[in-house]
Each structure stands twice: as C-alpha cells, then as structure tokens.
Amino acid sequence: MINGMDIGQLQDHLKEQDSLKTDYIQDGNQMEFQTYVQEEWSEGLQKHIITNHGEMRLYGDDYEETVRTTPHANMQIGNRFGIPNSYFNRMLDTEPDLLKANVNWWMRKAMPEKKHMVRTLGGRARAFVSNRFNNQLDNYDVVQTLLPPLEKLDVTFKDSYVTDNRMYLRGMIPGMEREIQTRKKVGEVVRMGFCFSNSEIGLGQLVLEPEIITLACLNGMTINQLAHKRKHIGMSYSLNNEIIYKDSTKALANQAWLSSVKDEIEHIFKEDSFDKIVEQMQNSADSKEIKDLEKTRDNVVKDFAMSEAEGKKILEELFNSGDRSQWGMASAITASAHNAPHADRKMDLNKIGWDVVNMEPRKWEELAIAA
C-alpha cells in the first residue's frame, strides 16, 4: 500500500524541494547536450552494470551548470526536435555519441535564439519547456495559497502525494455525507472531498477535482468531469541565458486565478452539487447485475487499458464484496487502487472508478449483461 503524507509533512517536503529548484532561460547557442556512461558494481557477486545517461550543460555570462536529464526531460527534448522517444532511448542505450550529435545539431539549427526554460531540481534537469511556462504555479506556492480558503471550510486533509510527475493535495469536507443503498446488508456512507493536482514539468494543468470518499474503506472516486483547471501559461520571460530567481514565500502572483478557485470551491462544495453526484452513484448501485464476473472484468480492463495485475485484484474485490452492480465494479476498481505501484497510478484508478459510475446504462449493459 502507498503511504501518503499529512498536510504538515506535505508542506515540509515541498518547502525542502523548493529550496533545491533552479530555473534557467536558455537559447540553443548556450546549451549543450552530453552523454556519459555510469558503471556500477553490486555487492556480493560483483555484477557489472553499465547505464547510459544524458546531461545538459547550461551556461550564461556568470554561471555554468551541468545537470543530469531525467527520462521525462529527455522525452521533451526529443519532442522539441522531432526525435521519437523510442529512438531517443535506443540511441542513448546503444549509440550515445550519435544521440549527442543529433540533439546538438538540431539545437543549433532549429532554435539558435529560441528560448526555453530548463527546470532543475537537486542537480537534475527535470523539464525542458517553453519560456512561457508559469513557474508561479509551483507546488509549494499553490499549497500555501490554497490552505487559507480550504481551512475556512474546516476540511480534514487526508493522504497527499508528491511524485516525480505530480503533486496531489487531498481532503474531505466534514458534514457533507450521504448513504448509498447498495446490495449489501447495510448502506455505504460517502463523504464529499477534493483533490488538487499539479505538475511542475509540463504533464498537466493545475486541477481541482471533487472526490467522493467511501468512509468504511477510504476508497476515493475522482470526478474529473467537474474539474476546474488552470494552464501553466503566463507572460514570456524576456531573459536570455539567465537564472530565474523568485521568492517562493510570496503570495501566488495569479490573483485572478486565486479568486476563481475560491468561487469554484464554493460552487463544487454546495449541498445540491453533492446531491447530484450521490444520485448518480445511487443509480449505479441500482443498475443491472454483472452476468459473468470474469468476462465483465476483462471488458472493463480492456476498455480502460488496465494491467493484468490490476484486473486480477479487481476480480478479487468483486468476489469479496458480493456486489455485482455498476457501483460494485467501480468500488472494486477504487479498492484495487490501494495496491497501485505508485501514487500517479492510484489517482488514475480513482478516476476510472468514477468513469464506471458515470457510464451510460446502455454501455454498462454491453459490458456486464452481454459479456
């Protein structure tokens, strides 16, 4: 099971990360892609391992830094120059000198004066994005700005996560509870919640999504159809080959966005909005039952591109719950999220759970009855 952080741990972690970040605005004339081979020896049998890595050398009038590129940054570099990710990685593994020549040639040819932001964290180049990327929407700034309006709602913060790709700030609204009448002997109590997610490396917008939490097992369903989103696009930085310095303890610069988020929080967490969500859940609990558990599981796994291991866990949860309704399938998916390999996948499964609840009756019958 993936262990999340409480709100204090999340703030401490983000503050520490923030102190390790540096952003550079660079053009193609003052960047150089490099490759190197790292040789490692495991203890015991002395197994020899060779690993190829990429690096980016960044330099300006008063600085020079060499940072190791992450797989995500490599993908963004490749995308910028039209190098497919599979071919980029193949060259990195087998012909690193060819990759170096390719990237540097296109860097000089395609963007000699075009500016990009290279985002680094603790000596790693984690993103290669546009110079319009809004670094005022970083995780630490966002959380510090969101806490006051959320605390006014007297929210209970639950497990939150920070991965290489995203941050997830999650919580529940005390008092906003309803009961879903299921095919079990007793109903299931659900509570209104929320999830703020954010990516600092260009993998998604800053998003507020309602979540519904089943209190008995703390399964969560993320309602992505009601998401409120903010793009990481701002004014272009006019700097060139310079480090961007910012005071991360200042209030978030996007005051218009902050005002809209406050309004959106109030809208999403209204009782009538919650009632509509619960009505949809109750409809799924009253749906027609699954005819064949294994075939229906296979259909759902195929439709939502889930893994064999996830499918096995979903079937296990369906057997254990005894609930063969649309709600039962959705609950089995969100229960399987507790065994996800990482937090990003856990949150993906929570969204799939709601997608199943929100499925049109005809679609559900195609999966469950005609299986």
Protein backbone atom coordinates (compact mmCIF):
# COMPACT_ATOMS: atom_id res chain seq x y z
CA MET A 1 0.00 0.00 0.00
CA ILE A 2 1.23 3.50 -0.87
CA ASN A 3 1.68 5.71 2.18
CA GLY A 4 0.67 9.33 1.69
CA MET A 5 1.64 12.43 3.69
CA ASP A 6 -0.39 14.51 6.09
CA ILE A 7 -0.63 18.25 5.47
CA GLY A 8 2.35 19.09 7.69
CA GLN A 9 4.58 16.51 6.04
CA LEU A 10 3.45 17.72 2.61
CA GLN A 11 4.34 21.34 3.39
CA ASP A 12 7.75 20.38 4.80
CA HIS A 13 8.52 18.20 1.77
CA LEU A 14 7.50 20.88 -0.72
CA LYS A 15 9.46 23.57 1.11
CA GLU A 16 12.59 21.40 1.03
CA GLN A 17 12.09 20.72 -2.67
CA ASP A 18 11.59 24.41 -3.36
CA SER A 19 15.00 25.22 -1.90
CA LEU A 20 16.60 22.81 -4.41
CA LYS A 21 14.97 24.24 -7.55
CA THR A 22 16.58 26.43 -10.18
CA ASP A 23 15.05 27.52 -13.48
CA TYR A 24 17.15 28.64 -16.45
CA ILE A 25 16.07 30.55 -19.55
CA GLN A 26 18.38 29.34 -22.33
CA ASP A 27 18.65 29.55 -26.08
CA GLY A 28 20.21 26.96 -28.34
CA ASN A 29 23.55 28.76 -28.50
CA GLN A 30 24.26 28.27 -24.80
CA MET A 31 23.10 24.73 -24.18
CA GLU A 32 24.93 21.53 -24.92
CA PHE A 33 23.55 18.00 -24.63
CA GLN A 34 26.05 15.43 -23.42
CA THR A 35 26.03 11.69 -22.71
CA TYR A 36 28.01 9.66 -20.26
CA VAL A 37 28.32 6.07 -19.12
CA GLN A 38 27.93 5.20 -15.46
CA GLU A 39 29.50 1.94 -14.34
CA GLU A 40 28.15 0.31 -11.20
CA TRP A 41 29.13 -2.76 -9.18
CA SER A 42 26.62 -4.55 -6.98
CA GLU A 43 27.88 -6.04 -3.74
CA GLY A 44 28.32 -9.76 -3.36
CA LEU A 45 28.61 -11.21 -6.87
CA GLN A 46 30.16 -8.04 -8.31
CA LYS A 47 27.73 -7.89 -11.21
CA HIS A 48 28.91 -5.29 -13.71
CA ILE A 49 26.22 -2.79 -14.82
CA ILE A 50 26.60 -0.08 -17.45
CA THR A 51 23.98 2.67 -17.60
CA ASN A 52 23.91 5.47 -20.14
CA HIS A 53 22.59 8.88 -19.13
CA GLY A 54 22.04 12.27 -20.67
CA GLU A 55 23.27 15.60 -19.34
CA MET A 56 22.62 19.21 -20.26
CA ARG A 57 25.32 21.84 -19.93
CA LEU A 58 23.83 25.29 -19.33
CA TYR A 59 25.87 28.45 -19.34
CA GLY A 60 25.47 32.22 -19.27
CA ASP A 61 27.62 35.25 -18.53
CA ASP A 62 28.03 34.43 -14.84
CA TYR A 63 27.23 30.74 -14.45
CA GLU A 64 27.82 27.29 -15.88
CA GLU A 65 25.97 24.18 -14.71
CA THR A 66 25.82 20.59 -15.89
CA VAL A 67 22.70 18.69 -14.83
CA ARG A 68 21.61 15.13 -15.45
CA THR A 69 18.48 14.83 -17.60
CA THR A 70 15.56 12.73 -16.39
CA PRO A 71 13.68 10.39 -18.76
CA HIS A 72 10.87 12.96 -18.87
CA ALA A 73 13.25 15.79 -19.84
CA ASN A 74 14.77 13.52 -22.49
CA MET A 75 11.30 12.94 -23.94
CA GLN A 76 10.60 16.69 -24.04
CA ILE A 77 13.96 17.37 -25.70
CA GLY A 78 13.24 14.67 -28.27
CA ASN A 79 9.74 16.04 -28.91
CA ARG A 80 11.16 19.51 -29.48
CA PHE A 81 13.46 18.23 -32.24
CA GLY A 82 11.17 15.57 -33.72
CA ILE A 83 13.07 12.59 -32.31
CA PRO A 84 10.64 9.80 -31.27
CA ASN A 85 11.09 8.75 -27.67
CA SER A 86 11.78 5.11 -28.55
CA TYR A 87 14.53 6.14 -30.99
CA PHE A 88 15.94 8.67 -28.49
CA ASN A 89 16.25 5.93 -25.85
CA ARG A 90 17.67 3.45 -28.35
CA MET A 91 20.43 5.87 -29.30
CA LEU A 92 21.06 6.65 -25.63
CA ASP A 93 21.46 2.94 -24.84
CA THR A 94 23.45 1.84 -27.87
CA GLU A 95 24.83 4.88 -29.75
CA PRO A 96 25.18 7.75 -27.24
CA ASP A 97 27.58 9.70 -29.45
CA LEU A 98 25.03 9.63 -32.29
CA LEU A 99 22.34 10.94 -29.93
CA LYS A 100 24.61 13.71 -28.72
CA ALA A 101 25.38 14.77 -32.29
CA ASN A 102 21.69 14.68 -33.27
CA VAL A 103 20.43 16.76 -30.35
CA ASN A 104 23.18 19.37 -30.54
CA TRP A 105 22.89 19.76 -34.31
CA TRP A 106 19.12 20.37 -34.10
CA MET A 107 19.57 22.60 -31.07
CA ARG A 108 21.86 24.88 -33.05
CA LYS A 109 19.84 24.56 -36.29
CA ALA A 110 16.26 24.76 -35.04
CA MET A 111 16.49 27.09 -32.04
CA PRO A 112 19.69 29.12 -32.05
CA GLU A 113 17.87 32.08 -30.50
CA LYS A 114 14.60 30.48 -29.35
CA LYS A 115 14.31 30.48 -25.58
CA HIS A 116 13.34 27.54 -23.42
CA MET A 117 13.03 27.06 -19.68
CA VAL A 118 15.12 24.25 -18.22
CA ARG A 119 13.68 23.30 -14.84
CA THR A 120 16.11 21.67 -12.43
CA LEU A 121 15.77 20.07 -9.02
CA GLY A 122 18.75 18.97 -6.97
CA GLY A 123 21.13 18.69 -9.93
CA ARG A 124 18.63 17.04 -12.29
CA ALA A 125 17.13 18.62 -15.41
CA ARG A 126 13.54 17.53 -14.86
CA ALA A 127 11.79 19.52 -17.60
CA PHE A 128 12.50 21.23 -20.93
CA VAL A 129 9.56 23.57 -21.51
CA SER A 130 8.55 26.85 -23.14
CA ASN A 131 9.82 30.11 -21.70
CA ARG A 132 6.12 30.91 -21.18
CA PHE A 133 5.79 28.16 -18.58
CA ASN A 134 4.36 29.73 -15.42
CA ASN A 135 6.68 28.85 -12.53
CA GLN A 136 4.49 30.85 -10.15
CA LEU A 137 2.20 27.80 -10.09
CA ASP A 138 4.76 25.55 -8.41
CA ASN A 139 3.57 23.10 -5.79
CA TYR A 140 4.78 24.97 -2.71
CA ASP A 141 3.28 28.28 -3.85
CA VAL A 142 -0.01 26.63 -4.76
CA VAL A 143 -0.40 24.84 -1.43
CA GLN A 144 0.48 27.95 0.59
CA THR A 145 -2.14 29.89 -1.34
CA LEU A 146 -4.86 27.25 -1.15
CA LEU A 147 -4.61 26.50 2.56
CA PRO A 148 -6.44 29.61 3.88
CA PRO A 149 -9.65 29.15 1.82
CA LEU A 150 -9.61 25.40 2.44
CA GLU A 151 -9.12 25.80 6.18
CA LYS A 152 -12.14 28.13 6.29
CA LEU A 153 -14.18 25.15 5.14
CA ASP A 154 -12.83 23.22 8.14
CA VAL A 155 -11.59 20.48 5.82
CA THR A 156 -9.92 17.30 7.01
CA PHE A 157 -6.77 16.74 4.96
CA LYS A 158 -6.11 13.13 4.01
CA ASP A 159 -3.26 11.27 2.32
CA SER A 160 -1.44 13.55 -0.12
CA TYR A 161 1.37 12.65 -2.50
CA VAL A 162 4.33 14.13 -4.36
CA THR A 163 5.74 12.11 -7.24
CA ASP A 164 8.30 12.93 -9.93
CA ASN A 165 5.36 13.88 -12.15
CA ARG A 166 2.67 15.45 -9.96
CA MET A 167 1.52 16.64 -6.56
CA TYR A 168 -1.85 15.62 -5.11
CA LEU A 169 -3.37 17.62 -2.23
CA ARG A 170 -6.43 15.78 -0.91
CA GLY A 171 -9.04 16.36 1.75
CA MET A 172 -12.62 15.79 2.90
CA ILE A 173 -15.47 18.12 3.92
CA PRO A 174 -16.88 17.19 7.35
CA GLY A 175 -20.64 17.10 7.49
CA MET A 176 -21.16 16.54 3.76
CA GLU A 177 -22.15 12.87 3.96
CA ARG A 178 -24.76 10.69 2.30
CA GLU A 179 -25.63 6.99 2.29
CA ILE A 180 -25.65 4.88 -0.85
CA GLN A 181 -28.11 1.98 -0.66
CA THR A 182 -26.19 -0.93 -2.10
CA ARG A 183 -26.89 -4.65 -2.45
CA LYS A 184 -25.02 -5.22 0.80
CA LYS A 185 -26.96 -5.59 4.04
CA VAL A 186 -26.15 -2.01 5.05
CA GLY A 187 -25.65 1.16 3.05
CA GLU A 188 -22.29 2.75 2.38
CA VAL A 189 -21.61 6.22 3.76
CA VAL A 190 -19.77 8.56 1.39
CA ARG A 191 -18.28 11.98 2.10
CA MET A 192 -17.51 14.89 -0.19
CA GLY A 193 -13.82 15.52 -0.77
CA PHE A 194 -11.43 17.16 -3.19
CA CYS A 195 -8.12 16.65 -4.96
CA PHE A 196 -5.83 19.43 -6.18
CA SER A 197 -3.27 18.05 -8.62
CA ASN A 198 -0.40 19.90 -10.24
CA SER A 199 2.56 19.19 -12.48
CA GLU A 200 5.68 21.37 -12.44
CA ILE A 201 7.17 19.66 -15.51
CA GLY A 202 4.54 20.12 -18.20
CA LEU A 203 2.50 16.95 -17.62
CA GLY A 204 -0.77 18.66 -16.87
CA GLN A 205 -2.56 21.71 -15.60
CA LEU A 206 -3.29 22.76 -12.05
CA VAL A 207 -6.59 20.96 -11.44
CA LEU A 208 -9.27 20.98 -8.74
CA GLU A 209 -11.48 17.89 -8.85
CA PRO A 210 -14.19 16.75 -6.45
CA GLU A 211 -13.61 13.38 -4.82
CA ILE A 212 -16.10 11.09 -3.16
CA ILE A 213 -14.68 9.07 -0.28
CA THR A 214 -16.29 5.84 0.98
CA LEU A 215 -15.74 6.10 4.73
CA ALA A 216 -15.71 2.36 5.50
CA CYS A 217 -12.64 1.68 3.34
CA LEU A 218 -11.44 5.19 2.34
CA ASN A 219 -11.74 4.34 -1.35
CA GLY A 220 -11.87 7.50 -3.44
CA MET A 221 -13.54 8.37 -6.75
CA THR A 222 -12.21 11.44 -8.56
CA ILE A 223 -14.86 13.24 -10.61
CA ASN A 224 -12.83 14.59 -13.50
CA GLN A 225 -15.89 15.83 -15.43
CA LEU A 226 -16.30 18.62 -12.85
CA ALA A 227 -12.64 19.65 -12.85
CA HIS A 228 -11.56 23.29 -12.61
CA LYS A 229 -8.26 23.78 -14.48
CA ARG A 230 -5.55 26.41 -14.80
CA LYS A 231 -2.90 26.21 -17.54
CA HIS A 232 0.78 26.79 -16.78
CA ILE A 233 0.98 29.57 -19.32
CA GLY A 234 1.97 33.10 -18.43
CA MET A 235 3.84 36.00 -19.94
CA SER A 236 7.02 35.08 -21.79
CA TYR A 237 10.22 35.57 -19.83
CA SER A 238 12.34 38.12 -21.70
CA LEU A 239 15.50 36.87 -20.02
CA ASN A 240 18.13 35.16 -22.12
CA ASN A 241 20.68 32.70 -20.77
CA GLU A 242 19.89 33.69 -17.22
CA ILE A 243 18.73 32.09 -13.98
CA ILE A 244 15.19 32.91 -12.89
CA TYR A 245 15.10 33.93 -9.24
CA LYS A 246 11.79 34.02 -7.40
CA ASP A 247 10.71 34.36 -3.79
CA SER A 248 8.70 31.21 -3.15
CA THR A 249 7.31 32.52 0.12
CA LYS A 250 5.41 35.33 -1.61
CA ALA A 251 1.71 35.03 -2.32
CA LEU A 252 0.77 33.48 -5.63
CA ALA A 253 1.03 36.07 -8.38
CA ASN A 254 -2.10 34.91 -10.24
CA GLN A 255 -4.68 36.72 -8.12
CA ALA A 256 -7.38 36.32 -10.78
CA TRP A 257 -6.85 32.57 -10.70
CA LEU A 258 -6.98 32.53 -6.90
CA SER A 259 -10.28 34.38 -6.92
CA SER A 260 -11.74 31.95 -9.45
CA VAL A 261 -10.60 28.96 -7.40
CA LYS A 262 -12.30 30.34 -4.29
CA ASP A 263 -15.52 30.68 -6.28
CA GLU A 264 -15.10 27.19 -7.71
CA ILE A 265 -14.54 25.67 -4.26
CA GLU A 266 -17.76 27.26 -3.04
CA HIS A 267 -19.64 26.03 -6.13
CA ILE A 268 -18.38 22.46 -6.04
CA PHE A 269 -18.93 22.00 -2.33
CA LYS A 270 -22.58 23.05 -2.32
CA GLU A 271 -25.12 20.57 -0.99
CA ASP A 272 -27.08 20.48 -4.27
CA SER A 273 -23.90 19.67 -6.25
CA PHE A 274 -23.16 16.84 -3.82
CA ASP A 275 -26.74 15.58 -4.12
CA LYS A 276 -26.42 15.31 -7.92
CA ILE A 277 -23.21 13.28 -7.57
CA VAL A 278 -24.80 10.98 -4.98
CA GLU A 279 -27.84 10.50 -7.23
CA GLN A 280 -25.54 9.27 -10.00
CA MET A 281 -23.86 6.90 -7.55
CA GLN A 282 -27.21 5.58 -6.35
CA ASN A 283 -28.26 4.94 -9.94
CA SER A 284 -25.12 2.88 -10.46
CA ALA A 285 -25.87 0.91 -7.28
CA ASP A 286 -29.36 0.15 -8.67
CA SER A 287 -28.03 -0.97 -12.06
CA LYS A 288 -28.42 -4.40 -13.59
CA GLU A 289 -26.06 -7.02 -12.20
CA ILE A 290 -23.00 -8.48 -13.84
CA LYS A 291 -23.77 -11.72 -15.63
CA ASP A 292 -20.23 -13.13 -15.79
CA LEU A 293 -17.66 -11.64 -13.42
CA GLU A 294 -14.56 -12.68 -15.33
CA LYS A 295 -15.80 -11.62 -18.77
CA THR A 296 -17.07 -8.30 -17.45
CA ARG A 297 -13.77 -7.74 -15.65
CA ASP A 298 -11.94 -8.48 -18.91
CA ASN A 299 -14.13 -5.99 -20.80
CA VAL A 300 -13.51 -3.24 -18.25
CA VAL A 301 -9.78 -3.90 -18.15
CA LYS A 302 -9.62 -3.69 -21.95
CA ASP A 303 -11.77 -0.54 -22.19
CA PHE A 304 -9.68 1.34 -19.62
CA ALA A 305 -6.26 -0.09 -20.58
CA MET A 306 -5.59 -1.61 -17.17
CA SER A 307 -2.88 -4.16 -16.41
CA GLU A 308 -3.27 -7.89 -15.83
CA ALA A 309 -2.33 -7.43 -12.17
CA GLU A 310 -4.96 -4.73 -11.75
CA GLY A 311 -7.56 -6.96 -13.38
CA LYS A 312 -6.72 -9.79 -11.01
CA LYS A 313 -7.14 -7.52 -7.98
CA ILE A 314 -10.44 -6.14 -9.30
CA LEU A 315 -11.84 -9.65 -9.70
CA GLU A 316 -10.75 -10.49 -6.16
CA GLU A 317 -12.52 -7.40 -4.81
CA LEU A 318 -15.69 -8.25 -6.76
CA PHE A 319 -15.78 -11.74 -5.28
CA ASN A 320 -15.16 -10.45 -1.76
CA SER A 321 -17.80 -7.70 -1.89
CA GLY A 322 -20.56 -9.77 -3.48
CA ASP A 323 -21.83 -6.61 -5.18
CA ARG A 324 -22.25 -7.23 -8.92
CA SER A 325 -23.73 -3.82 -9.75
CA GLN A 326 -22.13 -0.96 -11.63
CA TRP A 327 -21.34 0.54 -8.22
CA GLY A 328 -19.76 -2.75 -7.15
CA MET A 329 -17.44 -2.71 -10.17
CA ALA A 330 -16.47 0.92 -9.57
CA SER A 331 -15.79 0.18 -5.90
CA ALA A 332 -13.65 -2.83 -6.83
CA ILE A 333 -11.54 -0.60 -9.09
CA THR A 334 -11.00 2.05 -6.42
CA ALA A 335 -10.24 -0.65 -3.86
CA SER A 336 -7.58 -2.03 -6.20
CA ALA A 337 -6.01 1.45 -6.22
CA HIS A 338 -4.67 0.78 -2.71
CA ASN A 339 -2.29 -1.73 -4.33
CA ALA A 340 -1.18 0.55 -7.16
CA PRO A 341 2.60 0.63 -7.81
CA HIS A 342 2.79 4.42 -7.38
CA ALA A 343 0.60 7.39 -6.46
CA ASP A 344 0.10 8.55 -10.06
CA ARG A 345 -1.49 5.21 -10.93
CA LYS A 346 -3.57 5.22 -7.76
CA MET A 347 -5.12 8.53 -8.78
CA ASP A 348 -5.69 7.24 -12.33
CA LEU A 349 -7.66 4.28 -10.92
CA ASN A 350 -9.73 6.59 -8.75
CA LYS A 351 -10.76 8.45 -11.91
CA ILE A 352 -11.58 5.21 -13.70
CA GLY A 353 -13.82 4.26 -10.76
CA TRP A 354 -15.92 7.36 -11.33
CA ASP A 355 -15.91 6.80 -15.11
CA VAL A 356 -17.58 3.44 -14.45
CA VAL A 357 -20.17 5.04 -12.13
CA ASN A 358 -20.86 7.70 -14.76
CA MET A 359 -21.20 5.18 -17.59
CA GLU A 360 -24.43 5.30 -19.58
CA PRO A 361 -26.78 2.39 -18.73
CA ARG A 362 -26.56 1.04 -22.29
CA LYS A 363 -22.76 0.99 -22.15
CA TRP A 364 -22.81 -0.74 -18.76
CA GLU A 365 -25.21 -3.39 -20.05
CA GLU A 366 -22.92 -4.03 -23.02
CA LEU A 367 -20.08 -4.73 -20.60
CA ALA A 368 -21.98 -6.58 -17.88
CA ILE A 369 -25.00 -8.26 -19.44
CA ALA A 370 -23.87 -9.09 -22.97
CA ALA A 371 -20.44 -10.23 -21.79
